[in-house]
Amino acid sequence: LGGYSGLVSDTSAIQFKMLNKSKGPAMWSPRVQSDRMM
C-alpha cells in the first residue's frame, strides 16, 4: 500500500525466516528479528 513498516523492517533486520515453508503458500509467513534501536 506504500507504508513504511516493510522498508524499516528490512533495513533493521538481523535475521530473516520464512515460517511454515513446509506447508502450502497460503501459510508462508515472513518474519525478521530486528535491531531494536536501529
PDB file of all heavy atoms in Angstrom:
ATOM      1  N   LEU A   1       0.811  -1.220   0.000  1.00  0.00           N
ATOM      2  CA  LEU A   1       0.000   0.000   0.000  1.00  0.00           C
ATOM      3  C   LEU A   1       0.844   1.270   0.000  1.00  0.00           C
ATOM      4  O   LEU A   1       0.327   2.363  -0.226  1.00  0.00           O
ATOM      5  CB  LEU A   1      -0.929   0.006   1.224  1.00  0.00           C
ATOM      6  CG  LEU A   1      -2.088  -0.994   1.210  1.00  0.00           C
ATOM      7  CD1 LEU A   1      -2.695  -1.115   2.601  1.00  0.00           C
ATOM      8  CD2 LEU A   1      -3.147  -0.583   0.195  1.00  0.00           C
ATOM      9  N   GLY A   2       2.142   1.125   0.288  1.00  0.00           N
ATOM     10  CA  GLY A   2       3.008   2.296   0.320  1.00  0.00           C
ATOM     11  C   GLY A   2       3.397   2.735   1.718  1.00  0.00           C
ATOM     12  O   GLY A   2       3.890   3.855   1.902  1.00  0.00           O
ATOM     13  N   GLY A   3       3.187   1.853   2.716  1.00  0.00           N
ATOM     14  CA  GLY A   3       3.581   2.169   4.082  1.00  0.00           C
ATOM     15  C   GLY A   3       5.064   1.926   4.309  1.00  0.00           C
ATOM     16  O   GLY A   3       5.786   1.470   3.426  1.00  0.00           O
ATOM     17  N   TYR A   4       5.522   2.216   5.522  1.00  0.00           N
ATOM     18  CA  TYR A   4       6.949   2.166   5.826  1.00  0.00           C
ATOM     19  C   TYR A   4       7.401   0.921   6.588  1.00  0.00           C
ATOM     20  O   TYR A   4       8.609   0.652   6.670  1.00  0.00           O
ATOM     21  CB  TYR A   4       7.344   3.386   6.671  1.00  0.00           C
ATOM     22  CG  TYR A   4       7.295   4.730   5.960  1.00  0.00           C
ATOM     23  CD1 TYR A   4       7.399   5.913   6.686  1.00  0.00           C
ATOM     24  CD2 TYR A   4       7.144   4.825   4.570  1.00  0.00           C
ATOM     25  CE1 TYR A   4       7.361   7.155   6.061  1.00  0.00           C
ATOM     26  CE2 TYR A   4       7.096   6.060   3.947  1.00  0.00           C
ATOM     27  CZ  TYR A   4       7.203   7.230   4.691  1.00  0.00           C
ATOM     28  OH  TYR A   4       7.164   8.451   4.081  1.00  0.00           O
ATOM     29  N   SER A   5       6.483   0.164   7.187  1.00  0.00           N
ATOM     30  CA  SER A   5       6.882  -0.929   8.086  1.00  0.00           C
ATOM     31  C   SER A   5       7.784  -1.955   7.419  1.00  0.00           C
ATOM     32  O   SER A   5       8.752  -2.434   8.027  1.00  0.00           O
ATOM     33  CB  SER A   5       5.647  -1.625   8.664  1.00  0.00           C
ATOM     34  OG  SER A   5       4.996  -0.815   9.604  1.00  0.00           O
ATOM     35  N   GLY A   6       7.481  -2.324   6.186  1.00  0.00           N
ATOM     36  CA  GLY A   6       8.296  -3.313   5.488  1.00  0.00           C
ATOM     37  C   GLY A   6       9.693  -2.817   5.199  1.00  0.00           C
ATOM     38  O   GLY A   6      10.682  -3.541   5.392  1.00  0.00           O
ATOM     39  N   LEU A   7       9.799  -1.575   4.748  1.00  0.00           N
ATOM     40  CA  LEU A   7      11.109  -0.991   4.439  1.00  0.00           C
ATOM     41  C   LEU A   7      11.975  -0.887   5.694  1.00  0.00           C
ATOM     42  O   LEU A   7      13.155  -1.245   5.692  1.00  0.00           O
ATOM     43  CB  LEU A   7      10.913   0.398   3.820  1.00  0.00           C
ATOM     44  CG  LEU A   7      10.306   0.432   2.408  1.00  0.00           C
ATOM     45  CD1 LEU A   7       9.760   1.810   2.093  1.00  0.00           C
ATOM     46  CD2 LEU A   7      11.327   0.010   1.366  1.00  0.00           C
ATOM     47  N   VAL A   8      11.372  -0.402   6.797  1.00  0.00           N
ATOM     48  CA  VAL A   8      12.126  -0.259   8.041  1.00  0.00           C
ATOM     49  C   VAL A   8      12.523  -1.630   8.585  1.00  0.00           C
ATOM     50  O   VAL A   8      13.643  -1.813   9.087  1.00  0.00           O
ATOM     51  CB  VAL A   8      11.302   0.531   9.083  1.00  0.00           C
ATOM     52  CG1 VAL A   8      11.992   0.514  10.444  1.00  0.00           C
ATOM     53  CG2 VAL A   8      11.092   1.967   8.623  1.00  0.00           C
ATOM     54  N   SER A   9      11.622  -2.602   8.478  1.00  0.00           N
ATOM     55  CA  SER A   9      11.931  -3.953   8.954  1.00  0.00           C
ATOM     56  C   SER A   9      13.103  -4.547   8.184  1.00  0.00           C
ATOM     57  O   SER A   9      13.952  -5.235   8.763  1.00  0.00           O
ATOM     58  CB  SER A   9      10.699  -4.857   8.818  1.00  0.00           C
ATOM     59  OG  SER A   9       9.646  -4.409   9.646  1.00  0.00           O
ATOM     60  N   ASP A  10      13.172  -4.290   6.895  1.00  0.00           N
ATOM     61  CA  ASP A  10      14.276  -4.801   6.071  1.00  0.00           C
ATOM     62  C   ASP A  10      15.609  -4.159   6.461  1.00  0.00           C
ATOM     63  O   ASP A  10      16.629  -4.843   6.590  1.00  0.00           O
ATOM     64  CB  ASP A  10      14.009  -4.520   4.586  1.00  0.00           C
ATOM     65  CG  ASP A  10      12.945  -5.433   3.990  1.00  0.00           C
ATOM     66  OD1 ASP A  10      12.612  -6.452   4.616  1.00  0.00           O
ATOM     67  OD2 ASP A  10      12.443  -5.110   2.892  1.00  0.00           O
ATOM     68  N   THR A  11      15.606  -2.845   6.651  1.00  0.00           N
ATOM     69  CA  THR A  11      16.877  -2.153   6.898  1.00  0.00           C
ATOM     70  C   THR A  11      17.386  -2.336   8.329  1.00  0.00           C
ATOM     71  O   THR A  11      18.553  -2.045   8.608  1.00  0.00           O
ATOM     72  CB  THR A  11      16.755  -0.643   6.599  1.00  0.00           C
ATOM     73  OG1 THR A  11      15.723  -0.083   7.420  1.00  0.00           O
ATOM     74  CG2 THR A  11      16.425  -0.403   5.137  1.00  0.00           C
ATOM     75  N   SER A  12      16.524  -2.811   9.232  1.00  0.00           N
ATOM     76  CA  SER A  12      16.946  -3.002  10.625  1.00  0.00           C
ATOM     77  C   SER A  12      16.954  -4.476  11.029  1.00  0.00           C
ATOM     78  O   SER A  12      17.115  -4.802  12.203  1.00  0.00           O
ATOM     79  CB  SER A  12      16.016  -2.223  11.568  1.00  0.00           C
ATOM     80  OG  SER A  12      14.669  -2.660  11.416  1.00  0.00           O
ATOM     81  N   ALA A  13      16.801  -5.376  10.056  1.00  0.00           N
ATOM     82  CA  ALA A  13      16.736  -6.811  10.352  1.00  0.00           C
ATOM     83  C   ALA A  13      18.110  -7.375  10.705  1.00  0.00           C
ATOM     84  O   ALA A  13      19.126  -6.956  10.151  1.00  0.00           O
ATOM     85  CB  ALA A  13      16.160  -7.569   9.162  1.00  0.00           C
ATOM     86  N   ILE A  14      18.124  -8.343  11.625  1.00  0.00           N
ATOM     87  CA  ILE A  14      19.357  -9.085  11.919  1.00  0.00           C
ATOM     88  C   ILE A  14      19.187 -10.567  11.588  1.00  0.00           C
ATOM     89  O   ILE A  14      20.146 -11.334  11.630  1.00  0.00           O
ATOM     90  CB  ILE A  14      19.801  -8.910  13.388  1.00  0.00           C
ATOM     91  CG1 ILE A  14      18.756  -9.463  14.351  1.00  0.00           C
ATOM     92  CG2 ILE A  14      20.083  -7.443  13.688  1.00  0.00           C
ATOM     93  CD1 ILE A  14      19.203  -9.437  15.813  1.00  0.00           C
ATOM     94  N   GLN A  15      17.947 -10.964  11.275  1.00  0.00           N
ATOM     95  CA  GLN A  15      17.683 -12.341  10.848  1.00  0.00           C
ATOM     96  C   GLN A  15      16.376 -12.382  10.078  1.00  0.00           C
ATOM     97  O   GLN A  15      15.450 -11.628  10.384  1.00  0.00           O
ATOM     98  CB  GLN A  15      17.573 -13.281  12.064  1.00  0.00           C
ATOM     99  CG  GLN A  15      17.426 -14.758  11.675  1.00  0.00           C
ATOM    100  CD  GLN A  15      16.958 -15.636  12.837  1.00  0.00           C
ATOM    101  OE1 GLN A  15      15.771 -15.743  13.101  1.00  0.00           O
ATOM    102  NE2 GLN A  15      17.906 -16.258  13.521  1.00  0.00           N
ATOM    103  N   PHE A  16      16.303 -13.252   9.050  1.00  0.00           N
ATOM    104  CA  PHE A  16      15.062 -13.426   8.278  1.00  0.00           C
ATOM    105  C   PHE A  16      14.686 -14.899   8.245  1.00  0.00           C
ATOM    106  O   PHE A  16      15.546 -15.766   8.043  1.00  0.00           O
ATOM    107  CB  PHE A  16      15.212 -12.910   6.846  1.00  0.00           C
ATOM    108  CG  PHE A  16      13.945 -13.077   6.030  1.00  0.00           C
ATOM    109  CD1 PHE A  16      13.009 -12.062   5.958  1.00  0.00           C
ATOM    110  CD2 PHE A  16      13.671 -14.279   5.372  1.00  0.00           C
ATOM    111  CE1 PHE A  16      11.829 -12.231   5.240  1.00  0.00           C
ATOM    112  CE2 PHE A  16      12.488 -14.447   4.652  1.00  0.00           C
ATOM    113  CZ  PHE A  16      11.566 -13.417   4.584  1.00  0.00           C
ATOM    114  N   LYS A  17      13.386 -15.160   8.431  1.00  0.00           N
ATOM    115  CA  LYS A  17      12.876 -16.526   8.295  1.00  0.00           C
ATOM    116  C   LYS A  17      11.525 -16.497   7.589  1.00  0.00           C
ATOM    117  O   LYS A  17      10.683 -15.642   7.889  1.00  0.00           O
ATOM    118  CB  LYS A  17      12.689 -17.174   9.672  1.00  0.00           C
ATOM    119  CG  LYS A  17      13.899 -17.935  10.185  1.00  0.00           C
ATOM    120  CD  LYS A  17      13.517 -18.785  11.390  1.00  0.00           C
ATOM    121  CE  LYS A  17      14.684 -19.690  11.781  1.00  0.00           C
ATOM    122  NZ  LYS A  17      14.325 -20.602  12.878  1.00  0.00           N
ATOM    123  N   MET A  18      11.335 -17.449   6.675  1.00  0.00           N
ATOM    124  CA  MET A  18      10.011 -17.661   6.091  1.00  0.00           C
ATOM    125  C   MET A  18       9.406 -18.840   6.843  1.00  0.00           C
ATOM    126  O   MET A  18       9.837 -19.981   6.676  1.00  0.00           O
ATOM    127  CB  MET A  18      10.095 -17.946   4.596  1.00  0.00           C
ATOM    128  CG  MET A  18       8.734 -18.062   3.917  1.00  0.00           C
ATOM    129  SD  MET A  18       7.811 -16.494   3.871  1.00  0.00           S
ATOM    130  CE  MET A  18       8.678 -15.645   2.536  1.00  0.00           C
ATOM    131  N   LEU A  19       8.419 -18.555   7.687  1.00  0.00           N
ATOM    132  CA  LEU A  19       7.807 -19.592   8.503  1.00  0.00           C
ATOM    133  C   LEU A  19       6.822 -20.419   7.688  1.00  0.00           C
ATOM    134  O   LEU A  19       6.280 -19.969   6.677  1.00  0.00           O
ATOM    135  CB  LEU A  19       7.077 -18.953   9.694  1.00  0.00           C
ATOM    136  CG  LEU A  19       7.905 -18.018  10.576  1.00  0.00           C
ATOM    137  CD1 LEU A  19       7.055 -17.472  11.715  1.00  0.00           C
ATOM    138  CD2 LEU A  19       9.141 -18.723  11.115  1.00  0.00           C
ATOM    139  N   ASN A  20       6.582 -21.646   8.132  1.00  0.00           N
ATOM    140  CA  ASN A  20       5.601 -22.561   7.511  1.00  0.00           C
ATOM    141  C   ASN A  20       5.939 -22.920   6.073  1.00  0.00           C
ATOM    142  O   ASN A  20       5.044 -23.212   5.275  1.00  0.00           O
ATOM    143  CB  ASN A  20       4.181 -21.962   7.555  1.00  0.00           C
ATOM    144  CG  ASN A  20       3.574 -22.018   8.936  1.00  0.00           C
ATOM    145  OD1 ASN A  20       3.971 -22.839   9.762  1.00  0.00           O
ATOM    146  ND2 ASN A  20       2.610 -21.164   9.188  1.00  0.00           N
ATOM    147  N   LYS A  21       7.209 -22.929   5.727  1.00  0.00           N
ATOM    148  CA  LYS A  21       7.605 -23.210   4.348  1.00  0.00           C
ATOM    149  C   LYS A  21       7.262 -24.648   3.943  1.00  0.00           C
ATOM    150  O   LYS A  21       7.127 -24.953   2.757  1.00  0.00           O
ATOM    151  CB  LYS A  21       9.114 -22.966   4.208  1.00  0.00           C
ATOM    152  CG  LYS A  21       9.605 -22.814   2.782  1.00  0.00           C
ATOM    153  CD  LYS A  21       9.109 -21.569   2.082  1.00  0.00           C
ATOM    154  CE  LYS A  21       9.773 -21.432   0.724  1.00  0.00           C
ATOM    155  NZ  LYS A  21       9.169 -20.451  -0.151  1.00  0.00           N
ATOM    156  N   SER A  22       7.111 -25.541   4.942  1.00  0.00           N
ATOM    157  CA  SER A  22       6.770 -26.938   4.640  1.00  0.00           C
ATOM    158  C   SER A  22       5.301 -27.093   4.266  1.00  0.00           C
ATOM    159  O   SER A  22       4.891 -28.149   3.776  1.00  0.00           O
ATOM    160  CB  SER A  22       7.080 -27.828   5.846  1.00  0.00           C
ATOM    161  OG  SER A  22       6.306 -27.435   6.963  1.00  0.00           O
ATOM    162  N   LYS A  23       4.504 -26.030   4.473  1.00  0.00           N
ATOM    163  CA  LYS A  23       3.076 -26.073   4.132  1.00  0.00           C
ATOM    164  C   LYS A  23       2.849 -25.345   2.808  1.00  0.00           C
ATOM    165  O   LYS A  23       3.788 -24.914   2.158  1.00  0.00           O
ATOM    166  CB  LYS A  23       2.262 -25.437   5.257  1.00  0.00           C
ATOM    167  CG  LYS A  23       2.433 -26.157   6.592  1.00  0.00           C
ATOM    168  CD  LYS A  23       1.610 -25.499   7.688  1.00  0.00           C
ATOM    169  CE  LYS A  23       1.812 -26.220   9.020  1.00  0.00           C
ATOM    170  NZ  LYS A  23       1.036 -25.589  10.111  1.00  0.00           N
ATOM    171  N   GLY A  24       1.588 -25.223   2.423  1.00  0.00           N
ATOM    172  CA  GLY A  24       1.256 -24.534   1.178  1.00  0.00           C
ATOM    173  C   GLY A  24       1.520 -23.044   1.282  1.00  0.00           C
ATOM    174  O   GLY A  24       1.639 -22.485   2.385  1.00  0.00           O
ATOM    175  N   PRO A  25       1.605 -22.343   0.138  1.00  0.00           N
ATOM    176  CA  PRO A  25       1.976 -20.920   0.133  1.00  0.00           C
ATOM    177  C   PRO A  25       1.009 -20.011   0.871  1.00  0.00           C
ATOM    178  O   PRO A  25       1.378 -18.907   1.261  1.00  0.00           O
ATOM    179  CB  PRO A  25       2.047 -20.573  -1.363  1.00  0.00           C
ATOM    180  CG  PRO A  25       1.290 -21.640  -2.059  1.00  0.00           C
ATOM    181  CD  PRO A  25       1.438 -22.869  -1.232  1.00  0.00           C
ATOM    182  N   ALA A  26      -0.244 -20.445   1.074  1.00  0.00           N
ATOM    183  CA  ALA A  26      -1.185 -19.627   1.841  1.00  0.00           C
ATOM    184  C   ALA A  26      -0.726 -19.463   3.285  1.00  0.00           C
ATOM    185  O   ALA A  26      -1.124 -18.525   3.969  1.00  0.00           O
ATOM    186  CB  ALA A  26      -2.581 -20.253   1.812  1.00  0.00           C
ATOM    187  N   MET A  27       0.131 -20.385   3.739  1.00  0.00           N
ATOM    188  CA  MET A  27       0.585 -20.364   5.130  1.00  0.00           C
ATOM    189  C   MET A  27       1.976 -19.753   5.296  1.00  0.00           C
ATOM    190  O   MET A  27       2.416 -19.526   6.415  1.00  0.00           O
ATOM    191  CB  MET A  27       0.594 -21.789   5.701  1.00  0.00           C
ATOM    192  CG  MET A  27      -0.722 -22.524   5.584  1.00  0.00           C
ATOM    193  SD  MET A  27      -2.039 -21.699   6.494  1.00  0.00           S
ATOM    194  CE  MET A  27      -1.548 -22.072   8.168  1.00  0.00           C
ATOM    195  N   TRP A  28       2.691 -19.517   4.193  1.00  0.00           N
ATOM    196  CA  TRP A  28       4.045 -18.958   4.305  1.00  0.00           C
ATOM    197  C   TRP A  28       3.970 -17.569   4.939  1.00  0.00           C
ATOM    198  O   TRP A  28       3.189 -16.710   4.510  1.00  0.00           O
ATOM    199  CB  TRP A  28       4.707 -18.847   2.943  1.00  0.00           C
ATOM    200  CG  TRP A  28       4.900 -20.168   2.247  1.00  0.00           C
ATOM    201  CD1 TRP A  28       4.704 -21.407   2.765  1.00  0.00           C
ATOM    202  CD2 TRP A  28       5.316 -20.363   0.889  1.00  0.00           C
ATOM    203  NE1 TRP A  28       4.972 -22.374   1.821  1.00  0.00           N
ATOM    204  CE2 TRP A  28       5.354 -21.763   0.663  1.00  0.00           C
ATOM    205  CE3 TRP A  28       5.666 -19.506  -0.144  1.00  0.00           C
ATOM    206  CZ2 TRP A  28       5.714 -22.307  -0.562  1.00  0.00           C
ATOM    207  CZ3 TRP A  28       6.034 -20.042  -1.373  1.00  0.00           C
ATOM    208  CH2 TRP A  28       6.063 -21.436  -1.575  1.00  0.00           C
ATOM    209  N   SER A  29       4.797 -17.344   5.949  1.00  0.00           N
ATOM    210  CA  SER A  29       4.740 -16.081   6.688  1.00  0.00           C
ATOM    211  C   SER A  29       6.156 -15.562   6.965  1.00  0.00           C
ATOM    212  O   SER A  29       6.909 -16.190   7.713  1.00  0.00           O
ATOM    213  CB  SER A  29       4.012 -16.281   8.016  1.00  0.00           C
ATOM    214  OG  SER A  29       2.691 -16.746   7.818  1.00  0.00           O
ATOM    215  N   PRO A  30       6.516 -14.423   6.396  1.00  0.00           N
ATOM    216  CA  PRO A  30       7.861 -13.873   6.633  1.00  0.00           C
ATOM    217  C   PRO A  30       7.982 -13.268   8.029  1.00  0.00           C
ATOM    218  O   PRO A  30       7.014 -12.724   8.575  1.00  0.00           O
ATOM    219  CB  PRO A  30       8.004 -12.800   5.551  1.00  0.00           C
ATOM    220  CG  PRO A  30       6.606 -12.428   5.191  1.00  0.00           C
ATOM    221  CD  PRO A  30       5.746 -13.624   5.432  1.00  0.00           C
ATOM    222  N   ARG A  31       9.178 -13.372   8.597  1.00  0.00           N
ATOM    223  CA  ARG A  31       9.447 -12.811   9.931  1.00  0.00           C
ATOM    224  C   ARG A  31      10.897 -12.354   9.992  1.00  0.00           C
ATOM    225  O   ARG A  31      11.776 -13.044   9.484  1.00  0.00           O
ATOM    226  CB  ARG A  31       9.198 -13.855  11.015  1.00  0.00           C
ATOM    227  CG  ARG A  31       9.442 -13.362  12.452  1.00  0.00           C
ATOM    228  CD  ARG A  31       9.362 -14.521  13.439  1.00  0.00           C
ATOM    229  NE  ARG A  31       9.421 -14.073  14.832  1.00  0.00           N
ATOM    230  CZ  ARG A  31      10.529 -13.861  15.521  1.00  0.00           C
ATOM    231  NH1 ARG A  31      11.724 -14.046  14.934  1.00  0.00           N
ATOM    232  NH2 ARG A  31      10.485 -13.472  16.782  1.00  0.00           N
ATOM    233  N   VAL A  32      11.128 -11.207  10.616  1.00  0.00           N
ATOM    234  CA  VAL A  32      12.504 -10.759  10.849  1.00  0.00           C
ATOM    235  C   VAL A  32      12.729 -10.548  12.337  1.00  0.00           C
ATOM    236  O   VAL A  32      11.822 -10.155  13.069  1.00  0.00           O
ATOM    237  CB  VAL A  32      12.854  -9.443  10.108  1.00  0.00           C
ATOM    238  CG1 VAL A  32      12.858  -9.636   8.612  1.00  0.00           C
ATOM    239  CG2 VAL A  32      11.949  -8.301  10.529  1.00  0.00           C
ATOM    240  N   GLN A  33      13.949 -10.877  12.764  1.00  0.00           N
ATOM    241  CA  GLN A  33      14.432 -10.443  14.065  1.00  0.00           C
ATOM    242  C   GLN A  33      15.037  -9.073  13.832  1.00  0.00           C
ATOM    243  O   GLN A  33      15.740  -8.871  12.831  1.00  0.00           O
ATOM    244  CB  GLN A  33      15.483 -11.426  14.570  1.00  0.00           C
ATOM    245  CG  GLN A  33      15.761 -11.361  16.039  1.00  0.00           C
ATOM    246  CD  GLN A  33      14.603 -11.848  16.875  1.00  0.00           C
ATOM    247  OE1 GLN A  33      13.885 -12.752  16.475  1.00  0.00           O
ATOM    248  NE2 GLN A  33      14.392 -11.238  18.024  1.00  0.00           N
ATOM    249  N   SER A  34      14.746  -8.125  14.708  1.00  0.00           N
ATOM    250  CA  SER A  34      15.139  -6.738  14.448  1.00  0.00           C
ATOM    251  C   SER A  34      16.165  -6.223  15.440  1.00  0.00           C
ATOM    252  O   SER A  34      16.228  -6.680  16.584  1.00  0.00           O
ATOM    253  CB  SER A  34      13.900  -5.835  14.508  1.00  0.00           C
ATOM    254  OG  SER A  34      12.913  -6.260  13.587  1.00  0.00           O
ATOM    255  N   ASP A  35      16.929  -5.248  14.980  1.00  0.00           N
ATOM    256  CA  ASP A  35      17.779  -4.454  15.866  1.00  0.00           C
ATOM    257  C   ASP A  35      16.877  -3.357  16.431  1.00  0.00           C
ATOM    258  O   ASP A  35      16.465  -2.441  15.717  1.00  0.00           O
ATOM    259  CB  ASP A  35      18.942  -3.847  15.079  1.00  0.00           C
ATOM    260  CG  ASP A  35      19.919  -3.095  15.960  1.00  0.00           C
ATOM    261  OD1 ASP A  35      19.465  -2.243  16.748  1.00  0.00           O
ATOM    262  OD2 ASP A  35      21.132  -3.354  15.849  1.00  0.00           O
ATOM    263  N   ARG A  36      16.540  -3.490  17.715  1.00  0.00           N
ATOM    264  CA  ARG A  36      15.528  -2.617  18.317  1.00  0.00           C
ATOM    265  C   ARG A  36      15.868  -1.126  18.147  1.00  0.00           C
ATOM    266  O   ARG A  36      15.012  -0.327  17.741  1.00  0.00           O
ATOM    267  CB  ARG A  36      15.375  -2.951  19.799  1.00  0.00           C
ATOM    268  CG  ARG A  36      14.333  -2.116  20.521  1.00  0.00           C
ATOM    269  CD  ARG A  36      14.425  -2.277  22.033  1.00  0.00           C
ATOM    270  NE  ARG A  36      14.222  -3.649  22.447  1.00  0.00           N
ATOM    271  CZ  ARG A  36      13.022  -4.210  22.638  1.00  0.00           C
ATOM    272  NH1 ARG A  36      11.936  -3.491  22.416  1.00  0.00           N
ATOM    273  NH2 ARG A  36      12.916  -5.463  23.031  1.00  0.00           N
ATOM    274  N   MET A  37      17.088  -0.736  18.463  1.00  0.00           N
ATOM    275  CA  MET A  37      17.462   0.682  18.382  1.00  0.00           C
ATOM    276  C   MET A  37      17.498   1.163  16.934  1.00  0.00           C
ATOM    277  O   MET A  37      17.071   2.278  16.627  1.00  0.00           O
ATOM    278  CB  MET A  37      18.800   0.907  19.071  1.00  0.00           C
ATOM    279  CG  MET A  37      18.722   0.758  20.589  1.00  0.00           C
ATOM    280  SD  MET A  37      20.284   1.096  21.435  1.00  0.00           S
ATOM    281  CE  MET A  37      21.200  -0.428  21.107  1.00  0.00           C
ATOM    282  N   MET A  38      17.976   0.320  16.036  1.00  0.00           N
ATOM    283  CA  MET A  38      18.049   0.676  14.624  1.00  0.00           C
ATOM    284  C   MET A  38      16.640   0.827  14.039  1.00  0.00           C
ATOM    285  O   MET A  38      16.378   1.733  13.238  1.00  0.00           O
ATOM    286  CB  MET A  38      18.830  -0.404  13.864  1.00  0.00           C
ATOM    287  CG  MET A  38      19.203  -0.029  12.456  1.00  0.00           C
ATOM    288  SD  MET A  38      20.059  -1.389  11.601  1.00  0.00           S
ATOM    289  CE  MET A  38      21.643  -1.341  12.444  1.00  0.00           C
TER     290      MET A  38
END
